[in-house]
């Protein structure tokens, strides 16, 4: 069995996925428009691209991770 490195070898699917960052967000920190939509919600989680662009805002941490994985991203928690 040959275990040598080949630059032409395909990367594993996990390695090929882009990292996104999941972090808690206070509804008070949202713009007025989003804050009105989040009325009554205490916990929110944002999914961000490496450049800081917010890709999604969801109510549940588990949902944020599931959403990222289903869209072929590799989620990482940020505190």
N, C-alpha and C. Protein backbone atom coordinates (compact mmCIF):
# COMPACT_ATOMS: atom_id res chain seq x y z
N UNK A 1 0.84 -1.17 0.00
CA UNK A 1 0.00 0.00 0.00
C UNK A 1 0.89 1.23 0.00
N UNK A 2 0.64 2.15 -0.92
CA UNK A 2 1.45 3.35 -1.07
C UNK A 2 0.81 4.51 -0.31
N UNK A 3 1.53 5.08 0.68
CA UNK A 3 1.03 6.20 1.46
C UNK A 3 1.78 7.48 1.13
N UNK A 4 2.41 7.55 -0.01
CA UNK A 4 3.18 8.74 -0.34
C UNK A 4 2.25 9.90 -0.71
N UNK A 5 2.74 11.11 -0.53
CA UNK A 5 1.98 12.31 -0.81
C UNK A 5 1.99 12.61 -2.30
N UNK A 6 0.85 12.97 -2.81
CA UNK A 6 0.76 13.37 -4.21
C UNK A 6 -0.01 14.69 -4.27
N UNK A 7 0.57 15.76 -4.84
CA UNK A 7 -0.16 17.02 -4.91
C UNK A 7 -1.40 16.95 -5.78
N UNK A 8 -1.49 15.93 -6.62
CA UNK A 8 -2.66 15.77 -7.49
C UNK A 8 -3.76 14.94 -6.85
N UNK A 9 -3.50 14.40 -5.67
CA UNK A 9 -4.50 13.57 -5.01
C UNK A 9 -5.67 14.44 -4.56
N UNK A 10 -6.90 13.95 -4.68
CA UNK A 10 -8.06 14.75 -4.26
C UNK A 10 -8.05 14.95 -2.75
N UNK A 11 -8.48 16.14 -2.32
CA UNK A 11 -8.57 16.41 -0.89
C UNK A 11 -9.80 15.72 -0.32
N UNK A 12 -9.73 15.44 0.95
CA UNK A 12 -10.89 14.89 1.63
C UNK A 12 -12.00 15.93 1.61
N UNK A 13 -13.22 15.49 1.62
CA UNK A 13 -14.37 16.40 1.57
C UNK A 13 -14.33 17.39 2.73
N UNK A 14 -13.96 16.94 3.91
CA UNK A 14 -13.89 17.81 5.08
C UNK A 14 -12.90 18.94 4.87
N UNK A 15 -11.74 18.63 4.28
CA UNK A 15 -10.72 19.63 4.05
C UNK A 15 -11.14 20.64 2.99
N UNK A 16 -12.00 20.25 2.08
CA UNK A 16 -12.38 21.11 0.98
C UNK A 16 -13.47 22.10 1.37
N UNK A 17 -14.11 21.89 2.49
CA UNK A 17 -15.20 22.78 2.90
C UNK A 17 -14.65 24.08 3.47
N UNK A 18 -15.32 25.18 3.16
CA UNK A 18 -14.94 26.48 3.66
C UNK A 18 -15.39 26.61 5.12
N UNK A 19 -14.55 27.18 5.94
CA UNK A 19 -14.88 27.40 7.35
C UNK A 19 -15.83 28.57 7.47
N UNK A 20 -16.81 28.43 8.33
CA UNK A 20 -17.67 29.54 8.74
C UNK A 20 -17.66 29.58 10.26
N UNK A 21 -17.95 30.75 10.80
CA UNK A 21 -17.88 30.96 12.24
C UNK A 21 -19.27 31.17 12.80
N UNK A 22 -19.56 30.46 13.89
CA UNK A 22 -20.85 30.55 14.57
C UNK A 22 -20.61 31.26 15.90
N UNK A 23 -21.37 32.34 16.12
CA UNK A 23 -21.20 33.07 17.37
C UNK A 23 -22.55 33.55 17.90
N UNK A 24 -22.66 33.65 19.22
CA UNK A 24 -23.90 34.17 19.80
C UNK A 24 -24.03 35.67 19.50
N UNK A 25 -25.27 36.11 19.34
CA UNK A 25 -25.55 37.51 19.06
C UNK A 25 -26.68 37.96 19.98
N UNK A 26 -26.51 39.10 20.59
CA UNK A 26 -27.58 39.67 21.40
C UNK A 26 -28.55 40.39 20.48
N UNK A 27 -29.84 40.16 20.64
CA UNK A 27 -30.81 40.89 19.81
C UNK A 27 -30.66 42.41 19.93
N UNK A 28 -30.17 42.89 21.07
CA UNK A 28 -29.96 44.32 21.26
C UNK A 28 -28.88 44.89 20.34
N UNK A 29 -28.00 44.03 19.83
CA UNK A 29 -26.92 44.46 18.94
C UNK A 29 -27.33 44.48 17.47
N UNK A 30 -28.54 44.07 17.18
CA UNK A 30 -29.01 44.00 15.79
C UNK A 30 -29.54 45.36 15.32
N UNK A 31 -29.51 45.59 14.01
CA UNK A 31 -30.15 46.79 13.47
C UNK A 31 -31.65 46.78 13.81
N UNK A 32 -32.27 47.95 13.83
CA UNK A 32 -33.68 48.08 14.22
C UNK A 32 -34.59 47.13 13.45
N UNK A 33 -34.38 47.00 12.16
CA UNK A 33 -35.23 46.14 11.33
C UNK A 33 -35.20 44.69 11.79
N UNK A 34 -33.99 44.18 12.07
CA UNK A 34 -33.87 42.79 12.52
C UNK A 34 -34.32 42.64 13.97
N UNK A 35 -34.06 43.65 14.78
CA UNK A 35 -34.47 43.58 16.18
C UNK A 35 -35.99 43.45 16.28
N UNK A 36 -36.72 44.15 15.43
CA UNK A 36 -38.18 44.06 15.44
C UNK A 36 -38.63 42.65 15.09
N UNK A 37 -37.93 42.00 14.17
CA UNK A 37 -38.28 40.63 13.78
C UNK A 37 -37.92 39.62 14.85
N UNK A 38 -36.94 39.96 15.68
CA UNK A 38 -36.47 39.04 16.71
C UNK A 38 -37.11 39.32 18.07
N UNK A 39 -38.16 40.12 18.08
CA UNK A 39 -38.80 40.49 19.33
C UNK A 39 -39.21 39.25 20.13
N UNK A 40 -38.83 39.22 21.39
CA UNK A 40 -39.16 38.10 22.26
C UNK A 40 -38.14 36.97 22.24
N UNK A 41 -37.18 37.02 21.34
CA UNK A 41 -36.14 35.98 21.26
C UNK A 41 -34.94 36.43 22.08
N UNK A 42 -34.48 35.57 22.96
CA UNK A 42 -33.35 35.92 23.82
C UNK A 42 -32.01 35.51 23.23
N UNK A 43 -31.96 34.34 22.62
CA UNK A 43 -30.70 33.82 22.09
C UNK A 43 -30.74 33.74 20.57
N UNK A 44 -29.73 34.31 19.94
CA UNK A 44 -29.57 34.22 18.49
C UNK A 44 -28.14 33.82 18.18
N UNK A 45 -27.96 33.18 17.05
CA UNK A 45 -26.62 32.77 16.61
C UNK A 45 -26.43 33.20 15.16
N UNK A 46 -25.28 33.79 14.90
CA UNK A 46 -24.95 34.24 13.56
C UNK A 46 -23.92 33.29 12.96
N UNK A 47 -24.04 33.06 11.66
CA UNK A 47 -23.06 32.29 10.90
C UNK A 47 -22.36 33.30 9.99
N UNK A 48 -21.03 33.38 10.15
CA UNK A 48 -20.24 34.36 9.41
C UNK A 48 -19.20 33.70 8.51
N UNK A 49 -19.00 34.29 7.34
CA UNK A 49 -17.91 33.88 6.45
C UNK A 49 -16.59 34.39 7.04
N UNK A 50 -15.46 33.84 6.61
CA UNK A 50 -14.17 34.29 7.14
C UNK A 50 -13.92 35.79 6.98
N UNK A 51 -14.53 36.43 5.97
CA UNK A 51 -14.35 37.86 5.78
C UNK A 51 -15.26 38.70 6.67
N UNK A 52 -16.07 38.05 7.52
CA UNK A 52 -16.94 38.75 8.45
C UNK A 52 -18.37 38.92 7.98
N UNK A 53 -18.64 38.60 6.73
CA UNK A 53 -20.00 38.74 6.20
C UNK A 53 -20.94 37.78 6.91
N UNK A 54 -22.07 38.32 7.40
CA UNK A 54 -23.05 37.46 8.06
C UNK A 54 -23.83 36.72 6.98
N UNK A 55 -23.82 35.39 7.09
CA UNK A 55 -24.50 34.54 6.12
C UNK A 55 -25.89 34.13 6.59
N UNK A 56 -26.05 34.01 7.90
CA UNK A 56 -27.33 33.57 8.44
C UNK A 56 -27.46 34.02 9.89
N UNK A 57 -28.69 34.14 10.32
CA UNK A 57 -29.01 34.46 11.71
C UNK A 57 -30.13 33.53 12.11
N UNK A 58 -29.87 32.70 13.13
CA UNK A 58 -30.86 31.70 13.54
C UNK A 58 -31.03 31.73 15.05
N UNK A 59 -32.08 31.09 15.52
CA UNK A 59 -32.44 31.14 16.94
C UNK A 59 -31.72 30.09 17.79
N UNK A 60 -31.11 29.11 17.18
CA UNK A 60 -30.58 27.99 17.94
C UNK A 60 -29.17 27.65 17.48
N UNK A 61 -28.25 27.41 18.43
CA UNK A 61 -26.86 27.08 18.09
C UNK A 61 -26.77 25.80 17.26
N UNK A 62 -27.52 24.80 17.67
CA UNK A 62 -27.51 23.53 16.95
C UNK A 62 -27.98 23.74 15.51
N UNK A 63 -29.01 24.56 15.33
CA UNK A 63 -29.50 24.86 14.00
C UNK A 63 -28.44 25.59 13.17
N UNK A 64 -27.68 26.48 13.78
CA UNK A 64 -26.61 27.19 13.06
C UNK A 64 -25.58 26.20 12.52
N UNK A 65 -25.18 25.23 13.33
CA UNK A 65 -24.21 24.23 12.90
C UNK A 65 -24.80 23.32 11.82
N UNK A 66 -26.05 22.92 11.99
CA UNK A 66 -26.70 22.07 11.00
C UNK A 66 -26.84 22.79 9.67
N UNK A 67 -27.25 24.04 9.72
CA UNK A 67 -27.39 24.86 8.51
C UNK A 67 -26.06 24.98 7.77
N UNK A 68 -25.00 25.23 8.52
CA UNK A 68 -23.68 25.36 7.91
C UNK A 68 -23.26 24.05 7.24
N UNK A 69 -23.40 22.95 7.94
CA UNK A 69 -22.99 21.65 7.38
C UNK A 69 -23.81 21.25 6.16
N UNK A 70 -25.10 21.53 6.19
CA UNK A 70 -25.96 21.19 5.04
C UNK A 70 -25.65 22.02 3.81
N UNK A 71 -24.96 23.13 4.03
CA UNK A 71 -24.56 23.98 2.91
C UNK A 71 -23.08 23.82 2.60
N UNK A 72 -22.54 22.70 3.04
CA UNK A 72 -21.16 22.30 2.75
C UNK A 72 -20.10 23.23 3.33
N UNK A 73 -20.40 23.80 4.51
CA UNK A 73 -19.43 24.59 5.24
C UNK A 73 -18.96 23.81 6.46
N UNK A 74 -17.81 24.18 6.97
CA UNK A 74 -17.27 23.58 8.20
C UNK A 74 -17.40 24.61 9.32
N UNK A 75 -18.42 24.47 10.20
CA UNK A 75 -18.66 25.47 11.24
C UNK A 75 -17.67 25.37 12.40
N UNK A 76 -17.29 26.54 12.91
CA UNK A 76 -16.40 26.65 14.06
C UNK A 76 -17.05 27.63 15.04
N UNK A 77 -17.07 27.28 16.31
CA UNK A 77 -17.65 28.14 17.32
C UNK A 77 -16.70 29.27 17.69
N UNK A 78 -17.25 30.48 17.81
CA UNK A 78 -16.48 31.66 18.23
C UNK A 78 -17.19 32.24 19.43
N UNK A 79 -16.44 32.60 20.46
CA UNK A 79 -17.04 33.17 21.68
C UNK A 79 -16.82 34.65 21.75
